[in-house]
């Protein structure tokens, strides 16, 4: 597993990793039915474990970065998204200003 790529970006990559024999304790009834169904237990456990590792990784990432995410969202609520006033779609999204102000028009009081 590599967590940092060539550019120093954090990411999860599990492809092309070698396999390692591991001992697991599994429910005997579940294992028996899985074998009867023709399931590849190793492949199934490997795929499910990879998904769970990715889920836990991103859950922990969000927790570690919670303050920065909250600060960013507060800034966007306060200042809007740069360039939002120039776009021609979804004018009310991401910009705290009123749509009429985007075109330099003033609302009549």
C-alpha atoms as a PDB file:
ATOM      1  CA  UNK A   1       0.000   0.000   0.000  1.00  0.00           C
ATOM      2  CA  UNK A   2       1.270   3.440  -0.896  1.00  0.00           C
ATOM      3  CA  UNK A   3      -0.198   6.464   0.837  1.00  0.00           C
ATOM      4  CA  UNK A   4       1.963   9.121  -0.858  1.00  0.00           C
ATOM      5  CA  UNK A   5       2.370   9.225  -4.640  1.00  0.00           C
ATOM      6  CA  UNK A   6       5.218  10.615  -6.733  1.00  0.00           C
ATOM      7  CA  UNK A   7       3.973  14.215  -6.373  1.00  0.00           C
ATOM      8  CA  UNK A   8       3.637  13.883  -2.585  1.00  0.00           C
ATOM      9  CA  UNK A   9      -0.157  13.663  -2.747  1.00  0.00           C
ATOM     10  CA  UNK A  10      -1.763  11.465  -0.118  1.00  0.00           C
ATOM     11  CA  UNK A  11      -3.750   8.655  -1.653  1.00  0.00           C
ATOM     12  CA  UNK A  12      -4.573   5.001  -1.166  1.00  0.00           C
ATOM     13  CA  UNK A  13      -3.409   2.501  -3.763  1.00  0.00           C
ATOM     14  CA  UNK A  14      -3.792  -1.229  -3.326  1.00  0.00           C
ATOM     15  CA  UNK A  15      -3.445  -2.375  -6.937  1.00  0.00           C
ATOM     16  CA  UNK A  16      -0.553  -4.618  -7.960  1.00  0.00           C
ATOM     17  CA  UNK A  17       0.436  -5.321  -4.341  1.00  0.00           C
ATOM     18  CA  UNK A  18       1.785  -8.789  -3.590  1.00  0.00           C
ATOM     19  CA  UNK A  19      -0.382 -11.224  -1.615  1.00  0.00           C
ATOM     20  CA  UNK A  20       0.603 -12.465   1.832  1.00  0.00           C
ATOM     21  CA  UNK A  21      -0.674 -15.609   3.515  1.00  0.00           C
ATOM     22  CA  UNK A  22      -2.614 -14.690   6.658  1.00  0.00           C
ATOM     23  CA  UNK A  23      -4.445 -16.639   9.336  1.00  0.00           C
ATOM     24  CA  UNK A  24      -8.021 -15.496   9.965  1.00  0.00           C
ATOM     25  CA  UNK A  25     -10.620 -16.702  12.401  1.00  0.00           C
ATOM     26  CA  UNK A  26     -13.941 -16.868  10.573  1.00  0.00           C
ATOM     27  CA  UNK A  27     -17.398 -18.058  11.529  1.00  0.00           C
ATOM     28  CA  UNK A  28     -17.438 -21.734  10.504  1.00  0.00           C
ATOM     29  CA  UNK A  29     -21.041 -21.670   9.315  1.00  0.00           C
ATOM     30  CA  UNK A  30     -20.492 -18.598   7.149  1.00  0.00           C
ATOM     31  CA  UNK A  31     -17.307 -20.100   5.736  1.00  0.00           C
ATOM     32  CA  UNK A  32     -19.083 -23.381   4.940  1.00  0.00           C
ATOM     33  CA  UNK A  33     -21.921 -21.626   3.074  1.00  0.00           C
ATOM     34  CA  UNK A  34     -19.462 -19.378   1.231  1.00  0.00           C
ATOM     35  CA  UNK A  35     -17.584 -22.445  -0.003  1.00  0.00           C
ATOM     36  CA  UNK A  36     -20.839 -24.185  -0.988  1.00  0.00           C
ATOM     37  CA  UNK A  37     -21.726 -21.097  -3.018  1.00  0.00           C
ATOM     38  CA  UNK A  38     -18.375 -21.310  -4.788  1.00  0.00           C
ATOM     39  CA  UNK A  39     -17.121 -18.027  -3.379  1.00  0.00           C
ATOM     40  CA  UNK A  40     -13.422 -17.210  -3.368  1.00  0.00           C
ATOM     41  CA  UNK A  41     -13.070 -16.370   0.331  1.00  0.00           C
ATOM     42  CA  UNK A  42      -9.608 -14.825   0.030  1.00  0.00           C
ATOM     43  CA  UNK A  43     -10.655 -12.555  -2.826  1.00  0.00           C
ATOM     44  CA  UNK A  44     -13.890 -11.565  -1.061  1.00  0.00           C
ATOM     45  CA  UNK A  45     -12.172 -10.769   2.240  1.00  0.00           C
ATOM     46  CA  UNK A  46      -9.418  -8.867   0.411  1.00  0.00           C
ATOM     47  CA  UNK A  47     -11.935  -6.694  -1.476  1.00  0.00           C
ATOM     48  CA  UNK A  48     -14.094  -6.030   1.589  1.00  0.00           C
ATOM     49  CA  UNK A  49     -11.064  -5.235   3.752  1.00  0.00           C
ATOM     50  CA  UNK A  50      -9.748  -2.791   1.133  1.00  0.00           C
ATOM     51  CA  UNK A  51     -13.109  -0.973   1.129  1.00  0.00           C
ATOM     52  CA  UNK A  52     -13.149  -0.824   4.932  1.00  0.00           C
ATOM     53  CA  UNK A  53      -9.550   0.434   5.082  1.00  0.00           C
ATOM     54  CA  UNK A  54     -10.440   3.177   2.587  1.00  0.00           C
ATOM     55  CA  UNK A  55     -13.573   4.127   4.570  1.00  0.00           C
ATOM     56  CA  UNK A  56     -11.689   4.322   7.880  1.00  0.00           C
ATOM     57  CA  UNK A  57      -8.785   6.206   6.245  1.00  0.00           C
ATOM     58  CA  UNK A  58     -11.108   8.941   4.882  1.00  0.00           C
ATOM     59  CA  UNK A  59     -13.099   9.066   8.117  1.00  0.00           C
ATOM     60  CA  UNK A  60      -9.872   9.755  10.010  1.00  0.00           C
ATOM     61  CA  UNK A  61      -8.727  12.236   7.331  1.00  0.00           C
ATOM     62  CA  UNK A  62     -11.971  14.216   7.719  1.00  0.00           C
ATOM     63  CA  UNK A  63     -11.535  14.245  11.506  1.00  0.00           C
ATOM     64  CA  UNK A  64      -7.891  15.416  11.224  1.00  0.00           C
ATOM     65  CA  UNK A  65      -8.896  18.163   8.788  1.00  0.00           C
ATOM     66  CA  UNK A  66     -12.188  19.144  10.438  1.00  0.00           C
ATOM     67  CA  UNK A  67     -11.009  22.589  11.541  1.00  0.00           C
ATOM     68  CA  UNK A  68      -9.621  23.483   8.104  1.00  0.00           C
ATOM     69  CA  UNK A  69     -12.816  22.286   6.395  1.00  0.00           C
ATOM     70  CA  UNK A  70     -14.969  24.331   8.793  1.00  0.00           C
ATOM     71  CA  UNK A  71     -12.779  27.423   8.248  1.00  0.00           C
ATOM     72  CA  UNK A  72     -12.991  27.002   4.471  1.00  0.00           C
ATOM     73  CA  UNK A  73     -16.786  26.590   4.539  1.00  0.00           C
ATOM     74  CA  UNK A  74     -17.139  29.668   6.775  1.00  0.00           C
ATOM     75  CA  UNK A  75     -15.011  31.707   4.354  1.00  0.00           C
ATOM     76  CA  UNK A  76     -17.127  30.578   1.393  1.00  0.00           C
ATOM     77  CA  UNK A  77     -20.331  31.491   3.277  1.00  0.00           C
ATOM     78  CA  UNK A  78     -18.813  34.873   4.139  1.00  0.00           C
ATOM     79  CA  UNK A  79     -17.087  35.751   0.850  1.00  0.00           C
ATOM     80  CA  UNK A  80     -18.657  33.429  -1.720  1.00  0.00           C
ATOM     81  CA  UNK A  81     -16.801  31.509  -4.410  1.00  0.00           C
ATOM     82  CA  UNK A  82     -14.352  33.499  -6.510  1.00  0.00           C
ATOM     83  CA  UNK A  83     -15.746  34.107  -9.973  1.00  0.00           C
ATOM     84  CA  UNK A  84     -19.313  33.106  -9.065  1.00  0.00           C
ATOM     85  CA  UNK A  85     -20.622  36.466 -10.226  1.00  0.00           C
ATOM     86  CA  UNK A  86     -19.342  35.778 -13.753  1.00  0.00           C
ATOM     87  CA  UNK A  87     -20.872  32.372 -14.299  1.00  0.00           C
ATOM     88  CA  UNK A  88     -24.077  31.920 -16.243  1.00  0.00           C
ATOM     89  CA  UNK A  89     -25.446  28.921 -14.284  1.00  0.00           C
ATOM     90  CA  UNK A  90     -26.509  28.413 -10.652  1.00  0.00           C
ATOM     91  CA  UNK A  91     -25.976  32.047  -9.725  1.00  0.00           C
ATOM     92  CA  UNK A  92     -27.385  31.639  -6.233  1.00  0.00           C
ATOM     93  CA  UNK A  93     -25.033  28.767  -5.389  1.00  0.00           C
ATOM     94  CA  UNK A  94     -21.740  29.491  -3.684  1.00  0.00           C
ATOM     95  CA  UNK A  95     -22.069  33.252  -3.666  1.00  0.00           C
ATOM     96  CA  UNK A  96     -23.371  35.157  -0.667  1.00  0.00           C
ATOM     97  CA  UNK A  97     -24.381  38.111  -2.861  1.00  0.00           C
ATOM     98  CA  UNK A  98     -27.833  38.587  -4.336  1.00  0.00           C
ATOM     99  CA  UNK A  99     -28.190  37.548  -7.997  1.00  0.00           C
ATOM    100  CA  UNK A 100     -29.160  41.085  -9.124  1.00  0.00           C
ATOM    101  CA  UNK A 101     -25.928  42.439  -7.664  1.00  0.00           C
ATOM    102  CA  UNK A 102     -24.014  40.003  -9.860  1.00  0.00           C
ATOM    103  CA  UNK A 103     -25.014  42.095 -12.872  1.00  0.00           C
ATOM    104  CA  UNK A 104     -24.409  45.438 -11.197  1.00  0.00           C
ATOM    105  CA  UNK A 105     -28.113  46.101 -10.708  1.00  0.00           C
ATOM    106  CA  UNK A 106     -29.445  47.556  -7.455  1.00  0.00           C
ATOM    107  CA  UNK A 107     -32.699  46.374  -5.928  1.00  0.00           C
ATOM    108  CA  UNK A 108     -35.332  49.054  -5.527  1.00  0.00           C
ATOM    109  CA  UNK A 109     -35.940  49.813  -1.860  1.00  0.00           C
END
